[in-house]
Amino acid sequence: MANIFDYLKKNTLKHPNKVAIILDDTYFTYSQLLNLTENIIQNFKDCKINNKSKILLIEDNSLSHILTLLAASFLNACIVPVNTYYSKKHLKRITKIINIDSVIGGIEYCKFFKKENKIKKIICTDSDKKFHYFFKKNLFKKKLISKRNINKDYIISFTSGSTSNPKAIVFSQKTKIERYKLFKKLYKINKKDRFIISSPLDHSLGMRMFFVPLLEGCTFVLMRKFSPEKYIQTIERHKINFSILVANQIIEIVKNKNFFKKFYLNKGLVSASAALNEKIKRKILMKRINLFEMYGAAEIGTVTSFNINREKQYLKSVGKIYNKRIQIKVLSKNNKLLSPGKIGEIICKTPGKFKYYFSHLKNKKNHKDYFYKDFFKTGDLGYLNKKKYLYYVGRKKNIIRRNGITIYPEDLEKELTKNSRIKEVAVCSNQKNNKTIIYLFVKKDEKLEYNYVRDKCLRNLSTFQLPNKIIFVKEFPKTNLGKIDKIKLMRLYI
């Protein structure tokens, strides 16, 4: 069965001069991308990187990140991609957990890991005489023969970091190829489509947005970092017609009238990572953009989707399954399957499922705790209606219980951000003297006063939902996907 490198070769043979990647206004054709990848493969071989290697890749959205993923697919090496926002202490911890033997990164990281005895191979993405240079040209290239094994561990990616102990998720090349096929069929992707990638490549969503256009033979623009202004300019300049954005990014664009006026995607926009509120959805629909709501997770990929323009009656849902090989059910606390309309944990079965959690490799019992039969337990709460549309309620771990009543922070957050003056909020809680204390964090704005926010709470929330404390913050701590990091937020202010 073909591996990811084989897809690159096939697309190069079909259209060698077609632009594959646009990065920092530099264009790389499929032929150039293949040549660069073959050069990196030879460089890796010179450094004795092989199918037993576990490589820590410390790069942001860069050409070296892309080439490492492609070269590793040929060599059957395992990549652990991380962003440069990780602290060195955290990186050192990762090397021990996953038994890293090789490092690829800039000069700062190469110098740091040179002191580590277990790191045998260091490749520098900056030119420096002390280290093997990533982009070193090989004049005498040997014939490259790929030993295909798409079931082997390929990428180990960490969850978004919204918890204090993010899980290491293992993917094979087969997983990535399966997800590409599902995604292609779902959104009718073809070679004429032009993508934009604004999410970090070390995260599952960013990887999905990379592998889909690459395996299909499309053109895509890679953004180093998301900003509404740069994003809109890039869409206009490069005639982008399809994009996936996390909900927070969409909200940023919609709430800035100047950017939103210019915003348009011919094929469609997919909202991911969190459910959009109804008001934001309606504003996008008014621009006649095909807006798709989806539900998924790093472990399972995309499992539901729907075109909101065509099914406005299900505006508050996150869609329904789109493929016969995908199944969704809702589970009670006692591991009983629930009937339509009843809230419980969302569980999924899909061919795009991850391989396993690395940390649970030695403890298979713990790994099984994440499954009900063959269904992955997402940790999300929701319900299915009679038409099998899925409704997301919130994270299981975020539930607040006050005087025996269940409160979902996401409900409060959606309600308050409907107000145009309240741009960003977060609801958290903790226990003090056996009482539940609810905190409402609000992004500070010169025009926004405490009494105004308090009045909106009293008008729009039920009595049992009212926060005990309203706290204004200049900036919210965020994860790499732009989600509010609630654990860090509580540590900073409570």
Protein backbone atom coordinates (compact mmCIF):
# COMPACT_ATOMS: atom_id res chain seq x y z
CA MET A 1 0.00 0.00 0.00
CA ALA A 2 1.28 3.49 -0.90
CA ASN A 3 2.88 5.63 1.79
CA ILE A 4 2.78 9.44 2.04
CA PHE A 5 6.02 9.80 0.07
CA ASP A 6 4.47 7.72 -2.75
CA TYR A 7 1.57 10.19 -2.94
CA LEU A 8 4.10 13.04 -3.34
CA LYS A 9 5.86 11.18 -6.17
CA LYS A 10 2.55 10.40 -7.89
CA ASN A 11 1.40 14.05 -7.75
CA THR A 12 4.81 15.20 -9.02
CA LEU A 13 4.55 12.89 -12.04
CA LYS A 14 1.05 14.20 -12.80
CA HIS A 15 1.84 17.91 -12.53
CA PRO A 16 5.53 18.62 -11.77
CA ASN A 17 5.29 22.38 -12.33
CA LYS A 18 2.16 22.95 -10.27
CA VAL A 19 2.70 25.01 -7.11
CA ALA A 20 2.48 22.78 -4.05
CA ILE A 21 3.36 25.17 -1.21
CA ILE A 22 3.48 28.93 -0.76
CA LEU A 23 5.47 29.96 2.32
CA ASP A 24 6.57 33.53 3.04
CA ASP A 25 5.73 34.43 -0.58
CA THR A 26 8.11 31.74 -1.83
CA TYR A 27 6.62 29.21 -4.25
CA PHE A 28 7.58 25.53 -4.31
CA THR A 29 6.36 23.32 -7.15
CA TYR A 30 5.68 19.62 -6.64
CA SER A 31 8.90 18.85 -8.51
CA GLN A 32 10.91 21.17 -6.25
CA LEU A 33 9.23 19.74 -3.15
CA LEU A 34 10.11 16.19 -4.21
CA ASN A 35 13.74 17.14 -4.91
CA LEU A 36 14.06 18.87 -1.54
CA THR A 37 12.52 15.86 0.22
CA GLU A 38 14.92 13.43 -1.49
CA ASN A 39 17.83 15.62 -0.42
CA ILE A 40 16.60 15.58 3.21
CA ILE A 41 16.18 11.79 3.07
CA GLN A 42 19.81 11.48 2.05
CA ASN A 43 20.84 13.89 4.81
CA PHE A 44 18.94 11.81 7.34
CA LYS A 45 20.57 8.63 6.05
CA ASP A 46 24.00 10.26 6.41
CA CYS A 47 23.10 10.92 10.05
CA LYS A 48 22.01 7.27 10.41
CA ILE A 49 18.37 8.12 10.97
CA ASN A 50 16.28 5.06 10.16
CA ASN A 51 13.06 3.19 10.95
CA LYS A 52 14.07 2.85 14.62
CA SER A 53 14.66 6.58 15.13
CA LYS A 54 12.44 8.77 17.33
CA ILE A 55 13.01 12.38 16.31
CA LEU A 56 12.05 15.45 18.32
CA LEU A 57 11.21 18.14 15.73
CA ILE A 58 11.29 21.61 17.31
CA GLU A 59 9.94 23.85 14.58
CA ASP A 60 6.98 26.13 13.98
CA ASN A 61 5.17 26.21 10.61
CA SER A 62 8.24 26.00 8.38
CA LEU A 63 9.66 24.31 5.29
CA SER A 64 11.93 22.17 7.47
CA HIS A 65 8.86 20.93 9.39
CA ILE A 66 7.16 19.84 6.16
CA LEU A 67 10.28 18.20 4.71
CA THR A 68 10.90 16.27 7.93
CA LEU A 69 7.36 14.80 7.84
CA LEU A 70 7.83 13.76 4.20
CA ALA A 71 11.31 12.31 4.69
CA ALA A 72 10.18 10.39 7.78
CA SER A 73 7.32 8.83 5.80
CA PHE A 74 9.91 7.38 3.39
CA LEU A 75 12.29 6.16 6.11
CA ASN A 76 9.54 4.89 8.47
CA ALA A 77 11.04 7.04 11.21
CA CYS A 78 8.88 8.37 14.06
CA ILE A 79 8.49 12.15 14.44
CA VAL A 80 7.52 14.01 17.62
CA PRO A 81 6.65 17.53 16.40
CA VAL A 82 6.59 20.34 18.98
CA ASN A 83 6.28 24.10 18.72
CA THR A 84 8.98 26.55 19.84
CA TYR A 85 6.71 27.90 22.58
CA TYR A 86 7.51 24.74 24.63
CA SER A 87 9.92 25.43 27.48
CA LYS A 88 13.28 23.61 27.44
CA LYS A 89 12.26 21.90 30.68
CA HIS A 90 9.15 20.54 28.98
CA LEU A 91 11.15 19.45 25.91
CA LYS A 92 13.62 17.60 28.12
CA ARG A 93 10.72 15.81 29.80
CA ILE A 94 9.35 14.74 26.39
CA THR A 95 12.71 13.25 25.40
CA LYS A 96 12.63 11.03 28.49
CA ILE A 97 8.98 9.97 28.14
CA ILE A 98 9.33 8.96 24.49
CA ASN A 99 13.00 7.87 24.48
CA ILE A 100 14.01 10.43 21.86
CA ASP A 101 17.37 9.69 20.18
CA SER A 102 17.46 12.49 17.57
CA VAL A 103 16.71 16.22 17.52
CA ILE A 104 15.97 18.59 14.64
CA GLY A 105 15.74 22.31 15.40
CA GLY A 106 17.40 25.71 15.38
CA ILE A 107 20.86 26.42 16.79
CA GLU A 108 19.52 27.31 20.26
CA TYR A 109 17.95 23.86 20.67
CA CYS A 110 20.88 22.02 19.12
CA LYS A 111 23.27 23.56 21.68
CA PHE A 112 20.87 22.70 24.50
CA PHE A 113 20.50 19.03 23.50
CA LYS A 114 24.18 18.55 22.75
CA LYS A 115 24.62 18.19 26.53
CA GLU A 116 22.15 15.30 26.68
CA ASN A 117 23.90 11.92 26.53
CA LYS A 118 20.91 10.04 25.12
CA ILE A 119 20.59 12.34 22.09
CA LYS A 120 22.94 10.78 19.54
CA LYS A 121 21.92 12.65 16.38
CA ILE A 122 21.42 16.40 16.10
CA ILE A 123 20.47 18.14 12.86
CA CYS A 124 20.42 21.95 12.78
CA THR A 125 17.99 23.95 10.65
CA ASP A 126 20.40 26.90 10.93
CA SER A 127 23.76 26.78 9.20
CA ASP A 128 26.42 26.17 11.86
CA LYS A 129 29.76 24.36 11.57
CA LYS A 130 29.29 22.50 14.85
CA PHE A 131 26.19 20.61 13.66
CA HIS A 132 25.01 18.71 10.61
CA TYR A 133 23.07 21.22 8.47
CA PHE A 134 19.47 20.26 7.64
CA PHE A 135 19.60 21.78 4.13
CA LYS A 136 23.09 20.53 3.25
CA LYS A 137 23.14 19.63 -0.46
CA ASN A 138 24.08 16.09 -1.44
CA LEU A 139 25.95 16.04 -4.74
CA PHE A 140 26.24 12.25 -4.96
CA LYS A 141 22.74 11.06 -4.33
CA LYS A 142 22.23 7.33 -3.95
CA LYS A 143 19.18 5.60 -5.39
CA LEU A 144 16.42 5.83 -2.81
CA ILE A 145 14.34 2.73 -2.16
CA SER A 146 11.39 2.99 0.22
CA LYS A 147 10.48 0.11 2.56
CA ARG A 148 6.75 0.69 2.98
CA ASN A 149 5.18 0.08 6.36
CA ILE A 150 2.26 2.44 6.80
CA ASN A 151 1.12 0.75 10.04
CA LYS A 152 4.27 1.71 11.97
CA ASP A 153 4.32 4.62 14.47
CA TYR A 154 4.77 7.76 12.35
CA ILE A 155 3.81 10.83 14.41
CA ILE A 156 3.48 11.28 18.17
CA SER A 157 1.50 14.44 18.81
CA PHE A 158 0.49 15.99 22.12
CA THR A 159 -3.03 17.15 22.92
CA SER A 160 -3.56 20.90 22.89
CA GLY A 161 -2.22 21.39 26.41
CA SER A 162 -5.50 22.54 27.96
CA THR A 163 -4.87 20.01 30.73
CA SER A 164 -1.92 19.83 33.10
CA ASN A 165 -0.93 16.47 31.65
CA PRO A 166 -1.43 16.44 27.85
CA LYS A 167 -1.53 12.97 26.28
CA ALA A 168 0.91 11.74 23.65
CA ILE A 169 -1.21 10.48 20.73
CA VAL A 170 0.36 8.04 18.26
CA PHE A 171 -0.58 8.08 14.57
CA SER A 172 0.48 5.78 11.74
CA GLN A 173 0.70 6.82 8.09
CA LYS A 174 -2.37 4.67 7.54
CA THR A 175 -4.33 6.89 9.96
CA LYS A 176 -3.34 10.04 8.07
CA ILE A 177 -4.19 8.49 4.69
CA GLU A 178 -7.57 7.23 5.98
CA ARG A 179 -8.41 10.70 7.30
CA TYR A 180 -7.44 12.26 3.96
CA LYS A 181 -9.80 9.89 2.10
CA LEU A 182 -12.68 10.59 4.49
CA PHE A 183 -12.08 14.35 4.30
CA LYS A 184 -11.83 14.34 0.50
CA LYS A 185 -15.16 12.58 0.11
CA LEU A 186 -16.88 14.70 2.76
CA TYR A 187 -15.96 18.11 1.29
CA LYS A 188 -15.57 16.98 -2.34
CA ILE A 189 -11.93 18.06 -2.45
CA ASN A 190 -10.27 18.13 -5.88
CA LYS A 191 -6.94 19.20 -7.37
CA LYS A 192 -8.24 22.67 -8.26
CA ASP A 193 -8.85 23.60 -4.62
CA ARG A 194 -6.52 26.03 -2.88
CA PHE A 195 -6.08 25.72 0.88
CA ILE A 196 -4.70 27.93 3.62
CA ILE A 197 -3.14 26.44 6.78
CA SER A 198 -3.29 28.74 9.80
CA SER A 199 -3.08 26.16 12.62
CA PRO A 200 0.23 24.91 14.09
CA LEU A 201 1.56 21.86 12.21
CA ASP A 202 2.41 20.09 15.46
CA HIS A 203 -1.31 19.85 16.23
CA SER A 204 -3.72 17.33 14.72
CA LEU A 205 -5.85 19.99 12.98
CA GLY A 206 -2.80 21.61 11.37
CA MET A 207 -1.56 18.19 10.22
CA ARG A 208 -4.95 17.39 8.68
CA MET A 209 -4.88 20.66 6.75
CA PHE A 210 -1.37 19.77 5.54
CA PHE A 211 -1.91 16.15 4.50
CA VAL A 212 -5.23 16.65 2.66
CA PRO A 213 -4.01 19.13 -0.01
CA LEU A 214 -0.61 17.43 -0.29
CA LEU A 215 -2.04 13.93 -0.86
CA GLU A 216 -4.70 15.25 -3.26
CA GLY A 217 -2.22 17.35 -5.26
CA CYS A 218 -3.64 20.81 -4.39
CA THR A 219 -1.90 24.11 -3.76
CA PHE A 220 -1.77 25.38 -0.19
CA VAL A 221 -0.45 28.43 1.65
CA LEU A 222 1.25 27.87 4.99
CA MET A 223 0.93 30.73 7.48
CA ARG A 224 3.63 31.04 10.11
CA LYS A 225 1.14 32.49 12.59
CA PHE A 226 -2.53 33.41 12.40
CA SER A 227 -3.69 37.02 12.36
CA PRO A 228 -7.06 38.13 10.89
CA GLU A 229 -5.47 40.79 8.69
CA LYS A 230 -2.78 38.50 7.25
CA TYR A 231 -5.32 35.69 6.78
CA ILE A 232 -7.74 37.89 4.76
CA GLN A 233 -4.90 39.31 2.66
CA THR A 234 -3.59 35.81 1.90
CA ILE A 235 -7.03 34.57 0.79
CA GLU A 236 -7.40 37.50 -1.62
CA ARG A 237 -3.88 37.36 -2.99
CA HIS A 238 -3.68 33.61 -3.60
CA LYS A 239 -7.35 32.99 -4.47
CA ILE A 240 -7.90 30.55 -1.60
CA ASN A 241 -11.28 28.84 -1.80
CA PHE A 242 -11.32 26.48 1.21
CA SER A 243 -10.26 26.77 4.83
CA ILE A 244 -10.64 25.28 8.30
CA LEU A 245 -10.45 27.67 11.24
CA VAL A 246 -10.85 27.08 14.95
CA ALA A 247 -13.91 28.82 16.37
CA ASN A 248 -11.88 31.51 18.18
CA GLN A 249 -10.21 32.55 14.91
CA ILE A 250 -13.60 32.87 13.18
CA ILE A 251 -14.90 35.01 16.04
CA GLU A 252 -11.85 37.30 15.73
CA ILE A 253 -12.58 37.85 12.03
CA VAL A 254 -16.35 38.37 12.42
CA LYS A 255 -16.01 40.82 15.31
CA ASN A 256 -13.61 43.02 13.31
CA LYS A 257 -15.91 44.71 10.77
CA ASN A 258 -13.06 45.89 8.51
CA PHE A 259 -11.67 42.36 8.06
CA PHE A 260 -15.08 40.73 7.85
CA LYS A 261 -16.19 42.96 4.94
CA LYS A 262 -13.42 41.47 2.78
CA PHE A 263 -13.85 37.88 3.95
CA TYR A 264 -15.04 35.35 1.38
CA LEU A 265 -14.29 31.73 0.47
CA ASN A 266 -15.75 30.36 -2.75
CA LYS A 267 -15.90 26.69 -1.70
CA GLY A 268 -16.36 26.86 2.03
CA LEU A 269 -15.27 27.43 5.60
CA VAL A 270 -15.19 24.68 8.23
CA SER A 271 -15.50 25.63 11.90
CA ALA A 272 -13.49 23.31 14.15
CA SER A 273 -12.29 22.77 17.71
CA ALA A 274 -15.29 24.37 19.46
CA ALA A 275 -18.92 25.09 18.59
CA LEU A 276 -19.68 28.55 17.22
CA ASN A 277 -22.52 30.49 18.77
CA GLU A 278 -25.66 31.05 16.72
CA LYS A 279 -25.10 34.78 16.22
CA ILE A 280 -21.67 34.29 14.63
CA LYS A 281 -23.01 31.53 12.36
CA ARG A 282 -25.82 33.77 11.07
CA LYS A 283 -23.39 36.60 10.24
CA ILE A 284 -21.27 34.25 8.11
CA LEU A 285 -24.35 32.83 6.39
CA MET A 286 -25.41 36.37 5.41
CA LYS A 287 -22.23 36.58 3.31
CA ARG A 288 -23.34 33.44 1.43
CA ILE A 289 -20.26 31.51 2.47
CA ASN A 290 -20.73 27.73 2.68
CA LEU A 291 -20.27 27.30 6.42
CA PHE A 292 -19.68 23.78 7.71
CA GLU A 293 -19.91 22.87 11.38
CA MET A 294 -18.00 19.74 12.35
CA TYR A 295 -17.21 17.70 15.42
CA GLY A 296 -14.09 15.69 16.05
CA ALA A 297 -10.98 15.30 18.18
CA ALA A 298 -7.27 14.66 17.70
CA GLU A 299 -7.85 10.97 18.46
CA ILE A 300 -10.68 10.44 15.95
CA GLY A 301 -10.40 13.17 13.31
CA THR A 302 -13.65 14.56 11.85
CA VAL A 303 -16.69 12.40 12.63
CA THR A 304 -19.65 14.74 12.00
CA SER A 305 -20.27 17.62 9.62
CA PHE A 306 -23.06 19.49 7.87
CA ASN A 307 -23.56 22.45 5.56
CA ILE A 308 -25.39 24.98 7.73
CA ASN A 309 -26.63 26.92 4.67
CA ARG A 310 -28.66 23.92 3.56
CA GLU A 311 -29.84 22.74 7.00
CA LYS A 312 -30.46 25.89 9.00
CA GLN A 313 -33.03 24.11 11.17
CA TYR A 314 -30.09 22.28 12.82
CA LEU A 315 -28.08 25.48 13.37
CA LYS A 316 -27.31 24.63 17.00
CA SER A 317 -25.99 21.14 16.22
CA VAL A 318 -22.48 20.07 15.15
CA GLY A 319 -23.76 17.93 12.30
CA LYS A 320 -24.24 14.21 11.77
CA ILE A 321 -22.08 11.31 10.62
CA TYR A 322 -21.21 11.53 6.93
CA ASN A 323 -19.82 8.06 6.23
CA LYS A 324 -21.22 4.56 6.80
CA ARG A 325 -17.96 3.47 8.46
CA ILE A 326 -18.39 6.05 11.24
CA GLN A 327 -20.67 5.46 14.23
CA ILE A 328 -21.61 7.76 17.12
CA LYS A 329 -23.45 6.87 20.32
CA VAL A 330 -24.06 8.52 23.68
CA LEU A 331 -23.08 6.76 26.91
CA SER A 332 -24.37 7.19 30.46
CA LYS A 333 -22.22 7.27 33.62
CA ASN A 334 -23.02 3.59 34.09
CA ASN A 335 -21.88 2.66 30.56
CA LYS A 336 -25.42 2.33 29.22
CA LEU A 337 -26.31 3.55 25.73
CA LEU A 338 -28.71 6.50 25.89
CA SER A 339 -31.75 7.21 23.73
CA PRO A 340 -32.15 10.40 21.60
CA GLY A 341 -32.33 13.66 23.57
CA LYS A 342 -30.50 12.39 26.65
CA ILE A 343 -27.14 13.95 27.55
CA GLY A 344 -24.14 11.70 28.08
CA GLU A 345 -20.58 11.10 26.93
CA ILE A 346 -20.07 11.11 23.15
CA ILE A 347 -18.41 7.90 21.92
CA CYS A 348 -17.20 7.24 18.36
CA LYS A 349 -16.04 4.47 16.07
CA THR A 350 -14.15 5.50 12.92
CA PRO A 351 -11.47 4.20 10.50
CA GLY A 352 -9.64 7.48 11.20
CA LYS A 353 -9.01 6.51 14.83
CA PHE A 354 -5.55 7.11 16.33
CA LYS A 355 -3.24 4.16 17.00
CA TYR A 356 -2.81 4.41 20.80
CA TYR A 357 -1.70 6.68 23.65
CA PHE A 358 2.07 6.40 24.00
CA SER A 359 1.98 6.81 27.79
CA HIS A 360 -0.34 3.80 28.07
CA LEU A 361 1.71 1.46 25.89
CA LYS A 362 2.92 -0.53 28.90
CA ASN A 363 -0.40 -0.37 30.70
CA LYS A 364 -3.03 -1.74 28.32
CA LYS A 365 -5.65 -1.66 31.05
CA ASN A 366 -5.40 2.14 31.26
CA HIS A 367 -5.61 2.34 27.46
CA LYS A 368 -8.87 0.36 27.52
CA ASP A 369 -10.35 2.88 29.96
CA TYR A 370 -10.67 5.25 26.99
CA PHE A 371 -12.86 2.83 25.06
CA TYR A 372 -16.34 1.33 25.31
CA LYS A 373 -16.06 -1.83 23.22
CA ASP A 374 -14.60 -0.43 19.95
CA PHE A 375 -15.88 3.10 20.57
CA PHE A 376 -13.52 5.88 21.71
CA LYS A 377 -14.75 7.80 24.75
CA THR A 378 -14.23 11.46 23.82
CA GLY A 379 -14.69 13.04 27.25
CA ASP A 380 -17.25 15.37 25.63
CA LEU A 381 -20.89 15.62 26.63
CA GLY A 382 -23.72 15.85 24.14
CA TYR A 383 -26.82 14.22 22.76
CA LEU A 384 -28.26 12.93 19.50
CA ASN A 385 -31.70 13.98 18.28
CA LYS A 386 -34.11 11.63 16.50
CA LYS A 387 -32.61 12.62 13.12
CA LYS A 388 -29.16 11.61 14.50
CA TYR A 389 -27.79 15.17 14.55
CA LEU A 390 -25.21 15.60 17.31
CA TYR A 391 -25.48 18.44 19.84
CA TYR A 392 -22.34 19.32 21.80
CA VAL A 393 -22.91 20.42 25.39
CA GLY A 394 -19.41 20.70 26.87
CA ARG A 395 -16.37 18.93 28.26
CA LYS A 396 -17.05 16.30 30.90
CA LYS A 397 -14.23 17.64 33.07
CA ASN A 398 -15.59 21.23 32.86
CA ILE A 399 -18.99 20.44 34.39
CA ILE A 400 -19.91 22.62 37.38
CA ARG A 401 -22.29 21.27 40.01
CA ARG A 402 -23.93 23.75 42.33
CA ASN A 403 -26.55 22.68 44.89
CA GLY A 404 -27.19 19.49 42.93
CA ILE A 405 -27.73 21.36 39.64
CA THR A 406 -25.47 20.70 36.61
CA ILE A 407 -24.04 23.80 34.93
CA TYR A 408 -22.21 23.76 31.60
CA PRO A 409 -19.65 26.64 31.36
CA GLU A 410 -19.97 26.63 27.56
CA ASP A 411 -23.66 27.60 27.85
CA LEU A 412 -22.80 30.67 29.92
CA GLU A 413 -19.92 31.65 27.63
CA LYS A 414 -22.07 31.39 24.48
CA GLU A 415 -24.86 33.42 26.03
CA LEU A 416 -22.63 36.27 27.20
CA THR A 417 -20.58 36.58 24.00
CA LYS A 418 -23.78 37.13 22.00
CA ASN A 419 -23.40 40.68 23.29
CA SER A 420 -21.25 42.69 20.83
CA ARG A 421 -19.47 44.58 23.64
CA ILE A 422 -18.39 41.39 25.45
CA LYS A 423 -15.73 39.95 23.14
CA GLU A 424 -14.18 37.11 25.12
CA VAL A 425 -15.06 35.32 28.36
CA ALA A 426 -14.22 32.18 30.30
CA VAL A 427 -16.20 30.49 33.07
CA CYS A 428 -14.33 28.41 35.68
CA SER A 429 -15.03 27.09 39.15
CA ASN A 430 -13.49 25.64 42.27
CA GLN A 431 -14.56 24.47 45.71
CA LYS A 432 -14.13 26.60 48.86
CA ASN A 433 -15.45 25.50 52.24
CA ASN A 434 -17.69 22.92 50.52
CA LYS A 435 -19.22 25.64 48.33
CA THR A 436 -18.98 25.94 44.55
CA ILE A 437 -17.48 29.27 43.51
CA ILE A 438 -18.06 30.29 39.87
CA TYR A 439 -15.67 32.79 38.30
CA LEU A 440 -16.45 34.79 35.17
CA PHE A 441 -13.32 36.09 33.47
CA VAL A 442 -13.90 38.89 30.95
CA LYS A 443 -11.45 40.45 28.51
CA LYS A 444 -10.91 44.05 29.57
CA ASP A 445 -12.19 46.79 27.33
CA GLU A 446 -12.19 50.56 28.02
CA LYS A 447 -15.93 50.77 27.26
CA LEU A 448 -16.79 47.70 29.34
CA GLU A 449 -17.69 48.31 32.98
CA TYR A 450 -18.26 45.87 35.82
CA ASN A 451 -21.88 46.94 36.33
CA TYR A 452 -22.65 46.42 32.63
CA VAL A 453 -21.33 42.83 32.69
CA ARG A 454 -23.09 42.13 35.99
CA ASP A 455 -26.36 43.47 34.56
CA LYS A 456 -26.04 41.21 31.48
CA CYS A 457 -25.48 38.21 33.75
CA LEU A 458 -28.61 39.02 35.78
CA ARG A 459 -30.67 39.50 32.62
CA ASN A 460 -29.46 36.52 30.59
CA LEU A 461 -28.46 33.82 33.06
CA SER A 462 -30.52 31.71 35.41
CA THR A 463 -30.08 32.33 39.13
CA PHE A 464 -28.19 29.05 39.65
CA GLN A 465 -25.76 30.03 36.83
CA LEU A 466 -24.76 33.43 38.21
CA PRO A 467 -21.02 33.88 38.86
CA ASN A 468 -19.79 34.64 42.35
CA LYS A 469 -16.97 36.80 41.00
CA ILE A 470 -16.40 38.77 37.79
CA ILE A 471 -12.72 39.29 36.98
CA PHE A 472 -11.38 41.47 34.15
CA VAL A 473 -8.17 40.35 32.43
CA LYS A 474 -6.00 42.17 29.87
CA GLU A 475 -5.24 39.00 27.89
CA PHE A 476 -6.30 35.39 28.21
CA PRO A 477 -3.58 32.72 28.34
CA LYS A 478 -4.06 30.56 25.24
CA THR A 479 -3.14 27.10 24.01
CA ASN A 480 -1.36 26.70 20.66
CA LEU A 481 -4.76 26.43 18.95
CA GLY A 482 -5.96 29.71 20.38
CA LYS A 483 -8.23 28.18 23.03
CA ILE A 484 -8.33 29.79 26.46
CA ASP A 485 -6.12 27.84 28.85
CA LYS A 486 -8.43 27.65 31.86
CA ILE A 487 -5.97 25.85 34.11
CA LYS A 488 -3.36 28.58 33.61
CA LEU A 489 -6.04 31.24 33.97
CA MET A 490 -7.03 29.93 37.41
CA ARG A 491 -3.40 29.69 38.47
CA LEU A 492 -2.81 33.32 37.49
CA TYR A 493 -5.85 34.92 39.09
CA ILE A 494 -7.22 32.65 41.84
